């Protein structure tokens, strides 16, 4: 997102693919946003 190097402790899986971030905080924000988005699509918001 900002162009910094990806860190090994900042990886997550998204729809079967590995997504990397420069810090765990951004990874956690991404995971929370995806969870909210998926819940809204499923009508569980």
PDB file of N, CA and C in Angstrom:
ATOM      1  N   UNK A   1       0.821  -1.189   0.000  1.00  0.00           N
ATOM      2  CA  UNK A   1       0.000   0.000   0.000  1.00  0.00           C
ATOM      3  C   UNK A   1       0.869   1.258   0.000  1.00  0.00           C
ATOM      4  N   UNK A   2       1.979   1.197   0.717  1.00  0.00           N
ATOM      5  CA  UNK A   2       2.855   2.371   0.764  1.00  0.00           C
ATOM      6  C   UNK A   2       4.210   2.096   0.123  1.00  0.00           C
ATOM      7  N   UNK A   3       4.444   0.884  -0.335  1.00  0.00           N
ATOM      8  CA  UNK A   3       5.674   0.558  -1.022  1.00  0.00           C
ATOM      9  C   UNK A   3       6.815   0.078  -0.144  1.00  0.00           C
ATOM     10  N   UNK A   4       6.568  -0.123   1.148  1.00  0.00           N
ATOM     11  CA  UNK A   4       7.609  -0.629   2.034  1.00  0.00           C
ATOM     12  C   UNK A   4       7.748  -2.135   1.840  1.00  0.00           C
ATOM     13  N   UNK A   5       8.903  -2.698   2.202  1.00  0.00           N
ATOM     14  CA  UNK A   5       9.090  -4.144   2.055  1.00  0.00           C
ATOM     15  C   UNK A   5       8.113  -4.943   2.919  1.00  0.00           C
ATOM     16  N   UNK A   6       7.739  -6.105   2.423  1.00  0.00           N
ATOM     17  CA  UNK A   6       6.831  -6.999   3.135  1.00  0.00           C
ATOM     18  C   UNK A   6       7.606  -7.724   4.230  1.00  0.00           C
ATOM     19  N   UNK A   7       6.971  -7.875   5.392  1.00  0.00           N
ATOM     20  CA  UNK A   7       7.584  -8.593   6.508  1.00  0.00           C
ATOM     21  C   UNK A   7       6.926  -9.962   6.653  1.00  0.00           C
ATOM     22  N   UNK A   8       7.721 -10.940   7.039  1.00  0.00           N
ATOM     23  CA  UNK A   8       7.238 -12.317   7.149  1.00  0.00           C
ATOM     24  C   UNK A   8       6.120 -12.475   8.171  1.00  0.00           C
ATOM     25  N   UNK A   9       6.088 -11.630   9.206  1.00  0.00           N
ATOM     26  CA  UNK A   9       5.040 -11.740  10.226  1.00  0.00           C
ATOM     27  C   UNK A   9       3.787 -10.955   9.866  1.00  0.00           C
ATOM     28  N   UNK A  10       3.717 -10.485   8.621  1.00  0.00           N
ATOM     29  CA  UNK A  10       2.595  -9.649   8.201  1.00  0.00           C
ATOM     30  C   UNK A  10       1.887 -10.218   6.978  1.00  0.00           C
ATOM     31  N   UNK A  11       1.793 -11.526   6.917  1.00  0.00           N
ATOM     32  CA  UNK A  11       1.138 -12.194   5.796  1.00  0.00           C
ATOM     33  C   UNK A  11      -0.241 -12.679   6.214  1.00  0.00           C
ATOM     34  N   UNK A  12      -1.139 -12.762   5.240  1.00  0.00           N
ATOM     35  CA  UNK A  12      -2.468 -13.321   5.471  1.00  0.00           C
ATOM     36  C   UNK A  12      -2.922 -14.024   4.203  1.00  0.00           C
ATOM     37  N   UNK A  13      -3.899 -14.880   4.340  1.00  0.00           N
ATOM     38  CA  UNK A  13      -4.507 -15.527   3.180  1.00  0.00           C
ATOM     39  C   UNK A  13      -5.800 -14.809   2.831  1.00  0.00           C
ATOM     40  N   UNK A  14      -5.996 -14.546   1.564  1.00  0.00           N
ATOM     41  CA  UNK A  14      -7.227 -13.927   1.087  1.00  0.00           C
ATOM     42  C   UNK A  14      -7.666 -14.672  -0.158  1.00  0.00           C
ATOM     43  N   UNK A  15      -8.768 -15.377  -0.031  1.00  0.00           N
ATOM     44  CA  UNK A  15      -9.335 -16.144  -1.145  1.00  0.00           C
ATOM     45  C   UNK A  15      -8.301 -17.069  -1.782  1.00  0.00           C
ATOM     46  N   UNK A  16      -7.531 -17.748  -0.907  1.00  0.00           N
ATOM     47  CA  UNK A  16      -6.563 -18.722  -1.372  1.00  0.00           C
ATOM     48  C   UNK A  16      -5.229 -18.168  -1.817  1.00  0.00           C
ATOM     49  N   UNK A  17      -5.021 -16.883  -1.658  1.00  0.00           N
ATOM     50  CA  UNK A  17      -3.764 -16.259  -2.074  1.00  0.00           C
ATOM     51  C   UNK A  17      -3.109 -15.568  -0.888  1.00  0.00           C
ATOM     52  N   UNK A  18      -1.794 -15.549  -0.892  1.00  0.00           N
ATOM     53  CA  UNK A  18      -1.055 -14.881   0.168  1.00  0.00           C
ATOM     54  C   UNK A  18      -0.964 -13.394  -0.154  1.00  0.00           C
ATOM     55  N   UNK A  19      -1.300 -12.576   0.837  1.00  0.00           N
ATOM     56  CA  UNK A  19      -1.198 -11.122   0.712  1.00  0.00           C
ATOM     57  C   UNK A  19      -0.238 -10.663   1.803  1.00  0.00           C
ATOM     58  N   UNK A  20       0.739  -9.834   1.436  1.00  0.00           N
ATOM     59  CA  UNK A  20       1.733  -9.382   2.394  1.00  0.00           C
ATOM     60  C   UNK A  20       1.655  -7.898   2.658  1.00  0.00           C
ATOM     61  N   UNK A  21       2.003  -7.530   3.881  1.00  0.00           N
ATOM     62  CA  UNK A  21       1.995  -6.138   4.319  1.00  0.00           C
ATOM     63  C   UNK A  21       3.320  -5.809   4.989  1.00  0.00           C
ATOM     64  N   UNK A  22       3.599  -4.537   5.183  1.00  0.00           N
ATOM     65  CA  UNK A  22       4.864  -4.131   5.791  1.00  0.00           C
ATOM     66  C   UNK A  22       4.826  -4.196   7.316  1.00  0.00           C
ATOM     67  N   UNK A  23       3.637  -4.375   7.896  1.00  0.00           N
ATOM     68  CA  UNK A  23       3.550  -4.519   9.351  1.00  0.00           C
ATOM     69  C   UNK A  23       2.259  -5.243   9.721  1.00  0.00           C
ATOM     70  N   UNK A  24       2.234  -5.857  10.898  1.00  0.00           N
ATOM     71  CA  UNK A  24       1.056  -6.609  11.320  1.00  0.00           C
ATOM     72  C   UNK A  24      -0.185  -5.741  11.491  1.00  0.00           C
ATOM     73  N   UNK A  25      -0.019  -4.480  11.812  1.00  0.00           N
ATOM     74  CA  UNK A  25      -1.167  -3.587  11.988  1.00  0.00           C
ATOM     75  C   UNK A  25      -1.974  -3.441  10.708  1.00  0.00           C
ATOM     76  N   UNK A  26      -1.289  -3.254   9.595  1.00  0.00           N
ATOM     77  CA  UNK A  26      -1.991  -3.132   8.312  1.00  0.00           C
ATOM     78  C   UNK A  26      -2.633  -4.457   7.926  1.00  0.00           C
ATOM     79  N   UNK A  27      -1.944  -5.554   8.218  1.00  0.00           N
ATOM     80  CA  UNK A  27      -2.531  -6.876   7.950  1.00  0.00           C
ATOM     81  C   UNK A  27      -3.834  -7.042   8.725  1.00  0.00           C
ATOM     82  N   UNK A  28      -3.815  -6.662  10.001  1.00  0.00           N
ATOM     83  CA  UNK A  28      -5.005  -6.806  10.840  1.00  0.00           C
ATOM     84  C   UNK A  28      -6.145  -5.917  10.358  1.00  0.00           C
ATOM     85  N   UNK A  29      -5.841  -4.706   9.924  1.00  0.00           N
ATOM     86  CA  UNK A  29      -6.869  -3.807   9.378  1.00  0.00           C
ATOM     87  C   UNK A  29      -7.481  -4.406   8.114  1.00  0.00           C
ATOM     88  N   UNK A  30      -6.646  -4.978   7.259  1.00  0.00           N
ATOM     89  CA  UNK A  30      -7.122  -5.617   6.038  1.00  0.00           C
ATOM     90  C   UNK A  30      -8.052  -6.774   6.368  1.00  0.00           C
ATOM     91  N   UNK A  31      -7.635  -7.636   7.303  1.00  0.00           N
ATOM     92  CA  UNK A  31      -8.453  -8.786   7.682  1.00  0.00           C
ATOM     93  C   UNK A  31      -9.802  -8.352   8.245  1.00  0.00           C
ATOM     94  N   UNK A  32      -9.820  -7.302   9.061  1.00  0.00           N
ATOM     95  CA  UNK A  32     -11.077  -6.809   9.631  1.00  0.00           C
ATOM     96  C   UNK A  32     -11.980  -6.245   8.540  1.00  0.00           C
ATOM     97  N   UNK A  33     -11.402  -5.504   7.610  1.00  0.00           N
ATOM     98  CA  UNK A  33     -12.198  -4.921   6.525  1.00  0.00           C
ATOM     99  C   UNK A  33     -12.787  -6.010   5.643  1.00  0.00           C
ATOM    100  N   UNK A  34     -11.997  -7.024   5.326  1.00  0.00           N
ATOM    101  CA  UNK A  34     -12.474  -8.136   4.494  1.00  0.00           C
ATOM    102  C   UNK A  34     -13.601  -8.876   5.205  1.00  0.00           C
ATOM    103  N   UNK A  35     -13.461  -9.091   6.504  1.00  0.00           N
ATOM    104  CA  UNK A  35     -14.505  -9.783   7.259  1.00  0.00           C
ATOM    105  C   UNK A  35     -15.808  -8.998   7.226  1.00  0.00           C
ATOM    106  N   UNK A  36     -15.735  -7.682   7.397  1.00  0.00           N
ATOM    107  CA  UNK A  36     -16.947  -6.850   7.334  1.00  0.00           C
ATOM    108  C   UNK A  36     -17.561  -6.874   5.942  1.00  0.00           C
ATOM    109  N   UNK A  37     -16.725  -6.795   4.921  1.00  0.00           N
ATOM    110  CA  UNK A  37     -17.206  -6.798   3.545  1.00  0.00           C
ATOM    111  C   UNK A  37     -17.881  -8.127   3.213  1.00  0.00           C
ATOM    112  N   UNK A  38     -17.228  -9.233   3.572  1.00  0.00           N
ATOM    113  CA  UNK A  38     -17.811 -10.551   3.296  1.00  0.00           C
ATOM    114  C   UNK A  38     -19.135 -10.745   4.050  1.00  0.00           C
ATOM    115  N   UNK A  39     -19.202 -10.248   5.290  1.00  0.00           N
ATOM    116  CA  UNK A  39     -20.444 -10.360   6.063  1.00  0.00           C
ATOM    117  C   UNK A  39     -21.547  -9.544   5.419  1.00  0.00           C
ATOM    118  N   UNK A  40     -21.220  -8.364   4.911  1.00  0.00           N
ATOM    119  CA  UNK A  40     -22.226  -7.528   4.250  1.00  0.00           C
ATOM    120  C   UNK A  40     -22.734  -8.210   2.979  1.00  0.00           C
ATOM    121  N   UNK A  41     -21.838  -8.826   2.234  1.00  0.00           N
ATOM    122  CA  UNK A  41     -22.260  -9.528   1.027  1.00  0.00           C
ATOM    123  C   UNK A  41     -23.164 -10.710   1.340  1.00  0.00           C
ATOM    124  N   UNK A  42     -22.916 -11.333   2.475  1.00  0.00           N
ATOM    125  CA  UNK A  42     -23.725 -12.493   2.881  1.00  0.00           C
ATOM    126  C   UNK A  42     -25.014 -12.075   3.586  1.00  0.00           C
ATOM    127  N   UNK A  43     -25.187 -10.755   3.765  1.00  0.00           N
ATOM    128  CA  UNK A  43     -26.385 -10.261   4.439  1.00  0.00           C
ATOM    129  C   UNK A  43     -26.346 -10.401   5.933  1.00  0.00           C
ATOM    130  N   UNK A  44     -25.134 -10.470   6.497  1.00  0.00           N
ATOM    131  CA  UNK A  44     -24.979 -10.654   7.937  1.00  0.00           C
ATOM    132  C   UNK A  44     -24.373  -9.415   8.592  1.00  0.00           C
ATOM    133  N   UNK A  45     -24.601  -8.255   8.041  1.00  0.00           N
ATOM    134  CA  UNK A  45     -24.007  -7.033   8.602  1.00  0.00           C
ATOM    135  C   UNK A  45     -24.792  -6.520   9.713  1.00  0.00           C
TER     136      UNK A  45
END
